[in-house]
Amino acid sequence: MKADLMAFSPDGSTLATANYGGHPVQIWDVAARRLRTSVAVPTREAGSMAFSPDAGTLATASISGLGAYLWDTRTGRLRVRLDVGAAPAVNSVAFSPDGRTLATATTAIGVQLWNAATGGLRRNLEDDTAAVTSVAFSADERMLATGSEDGTVRLWDPGTHRNLKTLPGNPSTVTTVTFSPDGRTLATGGVKDRTVQLWDTASGHSRASLAGYSGEAGSVAFSPDSRVLAIGAIDGTVRLWDAATGSALATLTGHTNTVLALVFSSDSHTLLTAGADQTVRLWNIPLPPPATAIRRICQALGRGLTAPERSTYLPDQAPHATCPT
């Protein structure tokens, strides 16, 4: 399972692996530990991959000017080829949560929104920044985040195609944009800054800077309850962070090469990781006890928790739970 690029399906049941040597993309059944099918991507380099929400379709992007492709994950057959025009590279692909739209981030054209069933182009998002390198939908589909080569991060309304806000520039190319499931936080990572930034999507303000990495983040994922952020690094470690406070929770060691893909279980208690060391690992996630979580959040905010914040970050606590006095 030698791979330079990996992607899990949203439920963690399927893993896609690709390498830059011209071999087919391979689709694996994770539980059975067996190859399900192969996809003959017509290029030497797959730049990005993403599964549809139901895991029935795999989108692959070409960084060699050949566009993007949608594949049947059960048969390996081509469903749709997306003609992105004159773009020399498609750097990132992302499905909308309902699976009906695919967003492509390109070097020359910006972001394009496609009908995932027919391959028809729905819209070009106007963008006067440098090449767009990363793209992601929020879970409620009300926002689309894009990261660019010049460090720009933008939030869009995919329904009206309006630019909602531009976040302060990162010091390097933005390679990762990931929304928390509740849509309140955006995580962004770059090539040279060796940090992952957490942004408040409502205000556009930076919430925390997660530092200490030896290089860019290989993969980023929020837990379904939005409380924990997992970051896979090029040194093989996986670091867990409190998404509300930016506090470090734990460092998972075991991979010997870049961690390329991450996915949480639906109950947020288990993390599945895949790395360039050709291994897939399953981890139990150590969560802080409620009292510790309350103290950390209160210290970060400097005030008591509102009812919506208690519901989001401490769903198992009594409605009156608040900061210690």
C-alpha atoms as a PDB file:
ATOM      1  CA  MET A   1       0.000   0.000   0.000  1.00  0.00           C
ATOM      2  CA  LYS A   2       2.785   2.440  -0.876  1.00  0.00           C
ATOM      3  CA  ALA A   3       1.166   5.864  -1.167  1.00  0.00           C
ATOM      4  CA  ASP A   4       1.907   9.572  -1.381  1.00  0.00           C
ATOM      5  CA  LEU A   5      -1.740  10.597  -1.057  1.00  0.00           C
ATOM      6  CA  MET A   6      -4.608   9.107   0.978  1.00  0.00           C
ATOM      7  CA  ALA A   7      -8.245   9.856   1.750  1.00  0.00           C
ATOM      8  CA  PHE A   8     -10.782   8.203   4.045  1.00  0.00           C
ATOM      9  CA  SER A   9     -14.480   8.034   3.304  1.00  0.00           C
ATOM     10  CA  PRO A  10     -16.529  10.074   5.827  1.00  0.00           C
ATOM     11  CA  ASP A  11     -17.502   6.940   7.775  1.00  0.00           C
ATOM     12  CA  GLY A  12     -13.959   5.526   7.756  1.00  0.00           C
ATOM     13  CA  SER A  13     -14.996   2.317   6.002  1.00  0.00           C
ATOM     14  CA  THR A  14     -13.045   2.986   2.800  1.00  0.00           C
ATOM     15  CA  LEU A  15      -9.560   4.286   2.089  1.00  0.00           C
ATOM     16  CA  ALA A  16      -8.211   5.565  -1.223  1.00  0.00           C
ATOM     17  CA  THR A  17      -4.455   5.553  -1.825  1.00  0.00           C
ATOM     18  CA  ALA A  18      -2.412   7.058  -4.655  1.00  0.00           C
ATOM     19  CA  ASN A  19       1.225   7.660  -5.481  1.00  0.00           C
ATOM     20  CA  TYR A  20       3.096   9.850  -7.904  1.00  0.00           C
ATOM     21  CA  GLY A  21       4.653   7.043  -9.911  1.00  0.00           C
ATOM     22  CA  GLY A  22       1.801   6.563 -12.375  1.00  0.00           C
ATOM     23  CA  HIS A  23       0.121   3.580 -10.687  1.00  0.00           C
ATOM     24  CA  PRO A  24      -3.675   3.274 -10.389  1.00  0.00           C
ATOM     25  CA  VAL A  25      -5.471   4.758  -7.400  1.00  0.00           C
ATOM     26  CA  GLN A  26      -6.407   1.885  -5.084  1.00  0.00           C
ATOM     27  CA  ILE A  27      -9.615   1.701  -3.047  1.00  0.00           C
ATOM     28  CA  TRP A  28      -9.490  -0.411   0.123  1.00  0.00           C
ATOM     29  CA  ASP A  29     -12.072  -1.946   2.427  1.00  0.00           C
ATOM     30  CA  VAL A  30     -10.665  -0.891   5.799  1.00  0.00           C
ATOM     31  CA  ALA A  31     -12.455  -3.426   8.022  1.00  0.00           C
ATOM     32  CA  ALA A  32     -11.702  -6.368   5.716  1.00  0.00           C
ATOM     33  CA  ARG A  33      -8.151  -5.124   5.037  1.00  0.00           C
ATOM     34  CA  ARG A  34      -8.450  -5.940   1.352  1.00  0.00           C
ATOM     35  CA  LEU A  35      -8.278  -4.155  -1.965  1.00  0.00           C
ATOM     36  CA  ARG A  36     -11.754  -3.479  -3.320  1.00  0.00           C
ATOM     37  CA  THR A  37     -10.917  -2.030  -6.732  1.00  0.00           C
ATOM     38  CA  SER A  38      -8.442   0.141  -8.638  1.00  0.00           C
ATOM     39  CA  VAL A  39      -9.029   3.362 -10.531  1.00  0.00           C
ATOM     40  CA  ALA A  40      -6.958   4.062 -13.626  1.00  0.00           C
ATOM     41  CA  VAL A  41      -6.413   7.785 -13.179  1.00  0.00           C
ATOM     42  CA  PRO A  42      -5.134   9.031 -16.580  1.00  0.00           C
ATOM     43  CA  THR A  43      -2.241  11.044 -15.225  1.00  0.00           C
ATOM     44  CA  ARG A  44       0.992  10.483 -13.351  1.00  0.00           C
ATOM     45  CA  GLU A  45      -0.045  12.715 -10.474  1.00  0.00           C
ATOM     46  CA  ALA A  46      -3.313  12.778  -8.529  1.00  0.00           C
ATOM     47  CA  GLY A  47      -3.178  16.068  -6.658  1.00  0.00           C
ATOM     48  CA  SER A  48      -6.177  15.601  -4.392  1.00  0.00           C
ATOM     49  CA  MET A  49      -8.870  13.027  -3.625  1.00  0.00           C
ATOM     50  CA  ALA A  50     -12.229  13.166  -1.827  1.00  0.00           C
ATOM     51  CA  PHE A  51     -15.079  10.747  -1.219  1.00  0.00           C
ATOM     52  CA  SER A  52     -18.727  11.652  -1.601  1.00  0.00           C
ATOM     53  CA  PRO A  53     -20.723  11.579   1.669  1.00  0.00           C
ATOM     54  CA  ASP A  54     -22.131   8.117   0.851  1.00  0.00           C
ATOM     55  CA  ALA A  55     -18.644   6.860  -0.172  1.00  0.00           C
ATOM     56  CA  GLY A  56     -20.055   5.731  -3.535  1.00  0.00           C
ATOM     57  CA  THR A  57     -17.999   8.208  -5.560  1.00  0.00           C
ATOM     58  CA  LEU A  58     -14.336   9.189  -5.436  1.00  0.00           C
ATOM     59  CA  ALA A  59     -13.205  12.502  -6.908  1.00  0.00           C
ATOM     60  CA  THR A  60      -9.605  12.727  -8.093  1.00  0.00           C
ATOM     61  CA  ALA A  61      -7.850  15.863  -9.267  1.00  0.00           C
ATOM     62  CA  SER A  62      -4.991  16.155 -11.710  1.00  0.00           C
ATOM     63  CA  ILE A  63      -2.110  18.545 -11.127  1.00  0.00           C
ATOM     64  CA  SER A  64      -0.949  17.899 -14.697  1.00  0.00           C
ATOM     65  CA  GLY A  65      -3.688  19.834 -16.478  1.00  0.00           C
ATOM     66  CA  LEU A  66      -6.067  16.924 -17.125  1.00  0.00           C
ATOM     67  CA  GLY A  67      -8.957  18.145 -14.994  1.00  0.00           C
ATOM     68  CA  ALA A  68     -10.868  16.166 -12.387  1.00  0.00           C
ATOM     69  CA  TYR A  69     -12.651  12.822 -12.456  1.00  0.00           C
ATOM     70  CA  LEU A  70     -15.500  11.127 -10.588  1.00  0.00           C
ATOM     71  CA  TRP A  71     -15.228   7.346 -10.112  1.00  0.00           C
ATOM     72  CA  ASP A  72     -17.557   4.591  -8.932  1.00  0.00           C
ATOM     73  CA  THR A  73     -15.862   3.227  -5.798  1.00  0.00           C
ATOM     74  CA  ARG A  74     -17.488  -0.200  -6.160  1.00  0.00           C
ATOM     75  CA  THR A  75     -16.522  -0.922  -9.757  1.00  0.00           C
ATOM     76  CA  GLY A  76     -13.649   1.497 -10.399  1.00  0.00           C
ATOM     77  CA  ARG A  77     -15.410   2.784 -13.508  1.00  0.00           C
ATOM     78  CA  LEU A  78     -15.321   6.409 -14.606  1.00  0.00           C
ATOM     79  CA  ARG A  79     -18.587   8.232 -14.001  1.00  0.00           C
ATOM     80  CA  VAL A  80     -17.802  11.803 -15.076  1.00  0.00           C
ATOM     81  CA  ARG A  81     -14.827  13.808 -16.295  1.00  0.00           C
ATOM     82  CA  LEU A  82     -14.899  17.498 -15.363  1.00  0.00           C
ATOM     83  CA  ASP A  83     -13.403  19.772 -17.975  1.00  0.00           C
ATOM     84  CA  VAL A  84     -11.896  22.603 -15.957  1.00  0.00           C
ATOM     85  CA  GLY A  85     -10.655  24.401 -19.055  1.00  0.00           C
ATOM     86  CA  ALA A  86      -7.236  25.983 -19.226  1.00  0.00           C
ATOM     87  CA  ALA A  87      -6.274  25.415 -15.588  1.00  0.00           C
ATOM     88  CA  PRO A  88      -2.832  23.760 -15.475  1.00  0.00           C
ATOM     89  CA  ALA A  89      -3.591  22.128 -12.114  1.00  0.00           C
ATOM     90  CA  VAL A  90      -6.514  21.153  -9.913  1.00  0.00           C
ATOM     91  CA  ASN A  91      -5.089  21.444  -6.418  1.00  0.00           C
ATOM     92  CA  SER A  92      -8.052  20.399  -4.279  1.00  0.00           C
ATOM     93  CA  VAL A  93     -11.526  18.838  -4.529  1.00  0.00           C
ATOM     94  CA  ALA A  94     -14.374  18.759  -1.997  1.00  0.00           C
ATOM     95  CA  PHE A  95     -17.940  17.439  -2.026  1.00  0.00           C
ATOM     96  CA  SER A  96     -20.786  19.374  -0.474  1.00  0.00           C
ATOM     97  CA  PRO A  97     -22.328  17.530   2.497  1.00  0.00           C
ATOM     98  CA  ASP A  98     -25.390  16.589   0.435  1.00  0.00           C
ATOM     99  CA  GLY A  99     -23.134  15.135  -2.270  1.00  0.00           C
ATOM    100  CA  ARG A 100     -24.742  17.150  -5.057  1.00  0.00           C
ATOM    101  CA  THR A 101     -21.926  19.632  -5.651  1.00  0.00           C
ATOM    102  CA  LEU A 102     -18.197  19.230  -6.150  1.00  0.00           C
ATOM    103  CA  ALA A 103     -15.861  22.180  -5.673  1.00  0.00           C
ATOM    104  CA  THR A 104     -12.519  22.270  -7.481  1.00  0.00           C
ATOM    105  CA  ALA A 105      -9.675  24.617  -6.596  1.00  0.00           C
ATOM    106  CA  THR A 106      -7.475  25.428  -9.573  1.00  0.00           C
ATOM    107  CA  THR A 107      -4.241  27.214 -10.293  1.00  0.00           C
ATOM    108  CA  ALA A 108      -5.494  29.514 -13.041  1.00  0.00           C
ATOM    109  CA  ILE A 109      -9.291  29.765 -12.764  1.00  0.00           C
ATOM    110  CA  GLY A 110      -9.980  29.852  -9.034  1.00  0.00           C
ATOM    111  CA  VAL A 111     -12.886  27.818  -7.658  1.00  0.00           C
ATOM    112  CA  GLN A 112     -15.481  26.065  -9.770  1.00  0.00           C
ATOM    113  CA  LEU A 113     -18.700  24.458  -8.529  1.00  0.00           C
ATOM    114  CA  TRP A 114     -19.960  21.398 -10.436  1.00  0.00           C
ATOM    115  CA  ASN A 115     -23.061  19.237 -10.577  1.00  0.00           C
ATOM    116  CA  ALA A 116     -21.650  16.006  -9.126  1.00  0.00           C
ATOM    117  CA  ALA A 117     -24.220  13.855 -10.936  1.00  0.00           C
ATOM    118  CA  THR A 118     -23.873  15.247 -14.453  1.00  0.00           C
ATOM    119  CA  GLY A 119     -20.484  16.977 -14.410  1.00  0.00           C
ATOM    120  CA  GLY A 120     -22.064  20.245 -15.531  1.00  0.00           C
ATOM    121  CA  LEU A 121     -20.443  23.490 -14.439  1.00  0.00           C
ATOM    122  CA  ARG A 122     -22.657  25.465 -12.064  1.00  0.00           C
ATOM    123  CA  ARG A 123     -20.537  28.479 -11.230  1.00  0.00           C
ATOM    124  CA  ASN A 124     -17.102  30.072 -11.208  1.00  0.00           C
ATOM    125  CA  LEU A 125     -16.396  31.955  -7.995  1.00  0.00           C
ATOM    126  CA  GLU A 126     -14.737  35.255  -8.764  1.00  0.00           C
ATOM    127  CA  ASP A 127     -11.398  35.429  -7.017  1.00  0.00           C
ATOM    128  CA  ASP A 128      -8.626  37.914  -7.675  1.00  0.00           C
ATOM    129  CA  THR A 129      -6.079  36.196  -5.457  1.00  0.00           C
ATOM    130  CA  ALA A 130      -3.292  33.866  -6.497  1.00  0.00           C
ATOM    131  CA  ALA A 131      -3.792  30.210  -7.348  1.00  0.00           C
ATOM    132  CA  VAL A 132      -6.393  28.535  -5.097  1.00  0.00           C
ATOM    133  CA  THR A 133      -4.807  25.576  -3.325  1.00  0.00           C
ATOM    134  CA  SER A 134      -7.467  24.250  -0.929  1.00  0.00           C
ATOM    135  CA  VAL A 135     -11.246  24.185  -0.566  1.00  0.00           C
ATOM    136  CA  ALA A 136     -13.833  22.875   1.933  1.00  0.00           C
ATOM    137  CA  PHE A 137     -17.583  23.087   2.638  1.00  0.00           C
ATOM    138  CA  SER A 138     -19.096  23.653   6.067  1.00  0.00           C
ATOM    139  CA  ALA A 139     -21.427  20.902   7.286  1.00  0.00           C
ATOM    140  CA  ASP A 140     -24.535  23.056   6.861  1.00  0.00           C
ATOM    141  CA  GLU A 141     -23.387  24.070   3.349  1.00  0.00           C
ATOM    142  CA  ARG A 142     -23.732  27.762   4.186  1.00  0.00           C
ATOM    143  CA  MET A 143     -20.021  28.425   3.798  1.00  0.00           C
ATOM    144  CA  LEU A 144     -17.221  27.455   1.459  1.00  0.00           C
ATOM    145  CA  ALA A 145     -13.634  28.101   2.544  1.00  0.00           C
ATOM    146  CA  THR A 146     -10.770  28.597   0.106  1.00  0.00           C
ATOM    147  CA  GLY A 147      -7.052  28.919   0.708  1.00  0.00           C
ATOM    148  CA  SER A 148      -4.621  30.368  -1.817  1.00  0.00           C
ATOM    149  CA  GLU A 149      -0.973  30.336  -2.794  1.00  0.00           C
ATOM    150  CA  ASP A 150      -0.491  33.879  -1.476  1.00  0.00           C
ATOM    151  CA  GLY A 151      -1.775  32.936   1.999  1.00  0.00           C
ATOM    152  CA  THR A 152      -5.284  34.330   1.537  1.00  0.00           C
ATOM    153  CA  VAL A 153      -8.223  32.534   3.188  1.00  0.00           C
ATOM    154  CA  ARG A 154     -11.742  33.412   2.086  1.00  0.00           C
ATOM    155  CA  LEU A 155     -15.210  32.410   3.199  1.00  0.00           C
ATOM    156  CA  TRP A 156     -17.948  32.230   0.561  1.00  0.00           C
ATOM    157  CA  ASP A 157     -21.689  31.728   0.478  1.00  0.00           C
ATOM    158  CA  PRO A 158     -21.987  28.874  -2.053  1.00  0.00           C
ATOM    159  CA  GLY A 159     -25.675  29.641  -2.580  1.00  0.00           C
ATOM    160  CA  THR A 160     -25.293  33.304  -3.552  1.00  0.00           C
ATOM    161  CA  HIS A 161     -21.627  32.938  -4.617  1.00  0.00           C
ATOM    162  CA  ARG A 162     -20.833  35.997  -2.487  1.00  0.00           C
ATOM    163  CA  ASN A 163     -17.530  36.497  -0.693  1.00  0.00           C
ATOM    164  CA  LEU A 164     -18.479  36.718   3.008  1.00  0.00           C
ATOM    165  CA  LYS A 165     -15.119  37.677   4.463  1.00  0.00           C
ATOM    166  CA  THR A 166     -11.393  37.447   3.948  1.00  0.00           C
ATOM    167  CA  LEU A 167      -9.282  36.240   6.861  1.00  0.00           C
ATOM    168  CA  PRO A 168      -5.910  37.848   7.630  1.00  0.00           C
ATOM    169  CA  GLY A 169      -3.192  36.450   5.412  1.00  0.00           C
ATOM    170  CA  ASN A 170      -1.110  33.439   6.366  1.00  0.00           C
ATOM    171  CA  PRO A 171       2.668  33.668   5.903  1.00  0.00           C
ATOM    172  CA  SER A 172       2.693  30.908   3.275  1.00  0.00           C
ATOM    173  CA  THR A 173       0.611  28.911   0.823  1.00  0.00           C
ATOM    174  CA  VAL A 174      -2.546  27.578   2.506  1.00  0.00           C
ATOM    175  CA  THR A 175      -2.581  23.825   1.971  1.00  0.00           C
ATOM    176  CA  THR A 176      -5.407  22.913   4.358  1.00  0.00           C
ATOM    177  CA  VAL A 177      -8.843  24.387   5.150  1.00  0.00           C
ATOM    178  CA  THR A 178     -11.176  22.368   7.388  1.00  0.00           C
ATOM    179  CA  PHE A 179     -14.433  23.363   9.098  1.00  0.00           C
ATOM    180  CA  SER A 180     -15.512  22.041  12.472  1.00  0.00           C
ATOM    181  CA  PRO A 181     -18.840  20.168  12.167  1.00  0.00           C
ATOM    182  CA  ASP A 182     -20.669  22.957  14.004  1.00  0.00           C
ATOM    183  CA  GLY A 183     -19.274  25.498  11.512  1.00  0.00           C
ATOM    184  CA  ARG A 184     -17.963  27.831  14.204  1.00  0.00           C
ATOM    185  CA  THR A 185     -14.275  27.124  13.655  1.00  0.00           C
ATOM    186  CA  LEU A 186     -12.062  26.920  10.586  1.00  0.00           C
ATOM    187  CA  ALA A 187      -8.644  25.272  10.771  1.00  0.00           C
ATOM    188  CA  THR A 188      -6.030  26.363   8.222  1.00  0.00           C
ATOM    189  CA  GLY A 189      -2.497  25.135   7.653  1.00  0.00           C
ATOM    190  CA  GLY A 190       0.345  26.367   5.502  1.00  0.00           C
ATOM    191  CA  VAL A 191       3.575  25.156   3.948  1.00  0.00           C
ATOM    192  CA  LYS A 192       6.224  27.187   5.729  1.00  0.00           C
ATOM    193  CA  ASP A 193       4.684  28.572   8.932  1.00  0.00           C
ATOM    194  CA  ARG A 194       4.613  25.168  10.709  1.00  0.00           C
ATOM    195  CA  THR A 195       1.401  26.068  12.523  1.00  0.00           C
ATOM    196  CA  VAL A 196      -2.317  25.400  12.206  1.00  0.00           C
ATOM    197  CA  GLN A 197      -4.530  28.425  12.775  1.00  0.00           C
ATOM    198  CA  LEU A 198      -8.005  28.251  14.315  1.00  0.00           C
ATOM    199  CA  TRP A 199     -10.429  30.961  13.152  1.00  0.00           C
ATOM    200  CA  ASP A 200     -13.807  32.073  14.465  1.00  0.00           C
ATOM    201  CA  THR A 201     -15.943  31.914  11.320  1.00  0.00           C
ATOM    202  CA  ALA A 202     -18.493  34.445  12.601  1.00  0.00           C
ATOM    203  CA  SER A 203     -16.030  37.211  13.434  1.00  0.00           C
ATOM    204  CA  GLY A 204     -13.114  36.229  11.195  1.00  0.00           C
ATOM    205  CA  HIS A 205     -10.746  36.581  14.161  1.00  0.00           C
ATOM    206  CA  SER A 206      -7.941  34.176  14.977  1.00  0.00           C
ATOM    207  CA  ARG A 207      -8.823  31.973  17.953  1.00  0.00           C
ATOM    208  CA  ALA A 208      -5.548  30.076  18.409  1.00  0.00           C
ATOM    209  CA  SER A 209      -2.262  29.201  16.746  1.00  0.00           C
ATOM    210  CA  LEU A 210      -1.229  25.569  17.146  1.00  0.00           C
ATOM    211  CA  ALA A 211       2.554  25.393  16.827  1.00  0.00           C
ATOM    212  CA  GLY A 212       5.446  23.015  17.290  1.00  0.00           C
ATOM    213  CA  TYR A 213       5.456  21.107  14.017  1.00  0.00           C
ATOM    214  CA  SER A 214       8.570  20.211  12.059  1.00  0.00           C
ATOM    215  CA  GLY A 215       6.790  20.917   8.765  1.00  0.00           C
ATOM    216  CA  GLU A 216       3.346  21.401   7.246  1.00  0.00           C
ATOM    217  CA  ALA A 217       0.399  19.419   8.532  1.00  0.00           C
ATOM    218  CA  GLY A 218      -0.175  16.247   6.525  1.00  0.00           C
ATOM    219  CA  SER A 219      -3.856  15.986   7.443  1.00  0.00           C
ATOM    220  CA  VAL A 220      -6.440  17.676   9.667  1.00  0.00           C
ATOM    221  CA  ALA A 221      -9.781  16.462  11.073  1.00  0.00           C
ATOM    222  CA  PHE A 222     -12.298  17.610  13.685  1.00  0.00           C
ATOM    223  CA  SER A 223     -14.206  15.167  15.857  1.00  0.00           C
ATOM    224  CA  PRO A 224     -17.958  15.027  15.072  1.00  0.00           C
ATOM    225  CA  ASP A 225     -18.743  16.834  18.336  1.00  0.00           C
ATOM    226  CA  SER A 226     -16.348  19.666  17.280  1.00  0.00           C
ATOM    227  CA  ARG A 227     -14.448  19.388  20.569  1.00  0.00           C
ATOM    228  CA  VAL A 228     -11.168  17.834  19.362  1.00  0.00           C
ATOM    229  CA  LEU A 229      -8.907  18.663  16.424  1.00  0.00           C
ATOM    230  CA  ALA A 230      -6.509  15.976  15.199  1.00  0.00           C
ATOM    231  CA  ILE A 231      -3.480  16.977  13.128  1.00  0.00           C
ATOM    232  CA  GLY A 232      -1.240  14.473  11.383  1.00  0.00           C
ATOM    233  CA  ALA A 233       2.309  15.656  10.782  1.00  0.00           C
ATOM    234  CA  ILE A 234       5.160  14.775   8.459  1.00  0.00           C
ATOM    235  CA  ASP A 235       7.128  13.346  11.406  1.00  0.00           C
ATOM    236  CA  GLY A 236       4.505  10.620  11.861  1.00  0.00           C
ATOM    237  CA  THR A 237       2.924  12.031  15.010  1.00  0.00           C
ATOM    238  CA  VAL A 238      -0.756  12.833  15.487  1.00  0.00           C
ATOM    239  CA  ARG A 239      -1.480  15.676  17.874  1.00  0.00           C
ATOM    240  CA  LEU A 240      -4.832  16.236  19.534  1.00  0.00           C
ATOM    241  CA  TRP A 241      -5.964  19.729  20.467  1.00  0.00           C
ATOM    242  CA  ASP A 242      -8.903  21.190  22.347  1.00  0.00           C
ATOM    243  CA  ALA A 243     -10.722  22.996  19.534  1.00  0.00           C
ATOM    244  CA  ALA A 244     -12.316  25.533  21.897  1.00  0.00           C
ATOM    245  CA  THR A 245      -9.169  26.632  23.726  1.00  0.00           C
ATOM    246  CA  GLY A 246      -6.265  25.586  21.499  1.00  0.00           C
ATOM    247  CA  SER A 247      -4.800  23.572  24.390  1.00  0.00           C
ATOM    248  CA  ALA A 248      -2.783  20.442  23.631  1.00  0.00           C
ATOM    249  CA  LEU A 249      -4.508  17.222  24.704  1.00  0.00           C
ATOM    250  CA  ALA A 250      -2.206  14.407  23.588  1.00  0.00           C
ATOM    251  CA  THR A 251       0.416  13.280  21.066  1.00  0.00           C
ATOM    252  CA  LEU A 252      -0.080   9.904  19.407  1.00  0.00           C
ATOM    253  CA  THR A 253       3.079   8.143  18.238  1.00  0.00           C
ATOM    254  CA  GLY A 254       3.405   5.027  16.130  1.00  0.00           C
ATOM    255  CA  HIS A 255       3.527   6.054  12.474  1.00  0.00           C
ATOM    256  CA  THR A 256       7.048   6.347  11.084  1.00  0.00           C
ATOM    257  CA  ASN A 257       6.218   8.642   8.174  1.00  0.00           C
ATOM    258  CA  THR A 258       3.759  11.398   7.238  1.00  0.00           C
ATOM    259  CA  VAL A 259       0.190  10.886   8.474  1.00  0.00           C
ATOM    260  CA  LEU A 260      -1.810  11.462   5.292  1.00  0.00           C
ATOM    261  CA  ALA A 261      -5.411  10.812   6.343  1.00  0.00           C
ATOM    262  CA  LEU A 262      -7.522  11.054   9.504  1.00  0.00           C
ATOM    263  CA  VAL A 263     -11.139  10.292  10.357  1.00  0.00           C
ATOM    264  CA  PHE A 264     -13.032  10.131  13.666  1.00  0.00           C
ATOM    265  CA  SER A 265     -15.711   7.629  14.588  1.00  0.00           C
ATOM    266  CA  SER A 266     -19.263   8.970  14.831  1.00  0.00           C
ATOM    267  CA  ASP A 267     -19.088   9.049  18.656  1.00  0.00           C
ATOM    268  CA  SER A 268     -15.786  11.021  18.566  1.00  0.00           C
ATOM    269  CA  HIS A 269     -14.076   8.427  20.794  1.00  0.00           C
ATOM    270  CA  THR A 270     -11.976   6.669  18.151  1.00  0.00           C
ATOM    271  CA  LEU A 271      -9.556   8.004  15.534  1.00  0.00           C
ATOM    272  CA  LEU A 272      -8.492   6.163  12.392  1.00  0.00           C
ATOM    273  CA  THR A 273      -5.188   7.224  10.803  1.00  0.00           C
ATOM    274  CA  ALA A 274      -3.332   6.242   7.648  1.00  0.00           C
ATOM    275  CA  GLY A 275       0.264   7.085   6.868  1.00  0.00           C
ATOM    276  CA  ALA A 276       2.925   7.005   4.211  1.00  0.00           C
ATOM    277  CA  ASP A 277       4.534   4.197   6.237  1.00  0.00           C
ATOM    278  CA  GLN A 278       1.853   1.941   4.689  1.00  0.00           C
ATOM    279  CA  THR A 279      -0.016   1.378   7.947  1.00  0.00           C
ATOM    280  CA  VAL A 280      -3.526   2.150   9.177  1.00  0.00           C
ATOM    281  CA  ARG A 281      -3.947   2.631  12.912  1.00  0.00           C
ATOM    282  CA  LEU A 282      -6.934   2.808  15.276  1.00  0.00           C
ATOM    283  CA  TRP A 283      -6.694   4.973  18.415  1.00  0.00           C
ATOM    284  CA  ASN A 284      -8.810   5.489  21.516  1.00  0.00           C
ATOM    285  CA  ILE A 285      -9.097   9.228  22.038  1.00  0.00           C
ATOM    286  CA  PRO A 286      -8.280  10.474  25.547  1.00  0.00           C
ATOM    287  CA  LEU A 287     -10.723  13.245  26.374  1.00  0.00           C
ATOM    288  CA  PRO A 288     -10.230  15.507  29.416  1.00  0.00           C
ATOM    289  CA  PRO A 289     -12.649  14.998  32.310  1.00  0.00           C
ATOM    290  CA  PRO A 290     -15.578  17.457  32.358  1.00  0.00           C
ATOM    291  CA  ALA A 291     -14.130  19.563  35.175  1.00  0.00           C
ATOM    292  CA  THR A 292     -10.866  19.984  33.281  1.00  0.00           C
ATOM    293  CA  ALA A 293     -12.680  20.827  30.054  1.00  0.00           C
ATOM    294  CA  ILE A 294     -14.770  23.466  31.840  1.00  0.00           C
ATOM    295  CA  ARG A 295     -11.683  25.027  33.428  1.00  0.00           C
ATOM    296  CA  ARG A 296      -9.750  25.162  30.138  1.00  0.00           C
ATOM    297  CA  ILE A 297     -12.615  26.712  28.206  1.00  0.00           C
ATOM    298  CA  CYS A 298     -13.315  29.278  30.919  1.00  0.00           C
ATOM    299  CA  GLN A 299      -9.642  30.243  31.098  1.00  0.00           C
ATOM    300  CA  ALA A 300      -9.505  30.726  27.342  1.00  0.00           C
ATOM    301  CA  LEU A 301     -12.694  32.802  27.206  1.00  0.00           C
ATOM    302  CA  GLY A 302     -12.165  34.768  30.403  1.00  0.00           C
ATOM    303  CA  ARG A 303     -15.883  34.566  31.248  1.00  0.00           C
ATOM    304  CA  GLY A 304     -18.719  32.166  31.859  1.00  0.00           C
ATOM    305  CA  LEU A 305     -20.123  29.958  29.086  1.00  0.00           C
ATOM    306  CA  THR A 306     -23.291  30.915  27.262  1.00  0.00           C
ATOM    307  CA  ALA A 307     -26.066  28.351  26.825  1.00  0.00           C
ATOM    308  CA  PRO A 308     -25.105  27.646  23.158  1.00  0.00           C
ATOM    309  CA  GLU A 309     -21.450  27.232  24.150  1.00  0.00           C
ATOM    310  CA  ARG A 310     -22.361  24.777  26.919  1.00  0.00           C
ATOM    311  CA  SER A 311     -24.471  22.827  24.451  1.00  0.00           C
ATOM    312  CA  THR A 312     -21.633  22.703  21.913  1.00  0.00           C
ATOM    313  CA  TYR A 313     -18.581  22.075  24.078  1.00  0.00           C
ATOM    314  CA  LEU A 314     -20.096  20.328  27.124  1.00  0.00           C
ATOM    315  CA  PRO A 315     -23.161  18.496  25.825  1.00  0.00           C
ATOM    316  CA  ASP A 316     -23.096  15.918  28.627  1.00  0.00           C
ATOM    317  CA  GLN A 317     -23.115  18.480  31.445  1.00  0.00           C
ATOM    318  CA  ALA A 318     -26.068  19.988  33.283  1.00  0.00           C
ATOM    319  CA  PRO A 319     -27.562  23.096  31.617  1.00  0.00           C
ATOM    320  CA  HIS A 320     -26.390  25.263  34.513  1.00  0.00           C
ATOM    321  CA  ALA A 321     -22.733  24.153  34.290  1.00  0.00           C
ATOM    322  CA  THR A 322     -20.570  27.270  34.309  1.00  0.00           C
ATOM    323  CA  CYS A 323     -17.095  28.511  35.137  1.00  0.00           C
ATOM    324  CA  PRO A 324     -15.624  27.844  38.576  1.00  0.00           C
ATOM    325  CA  THR A 325     -15.547  30.899  40.834  1.00  0.00           C
END
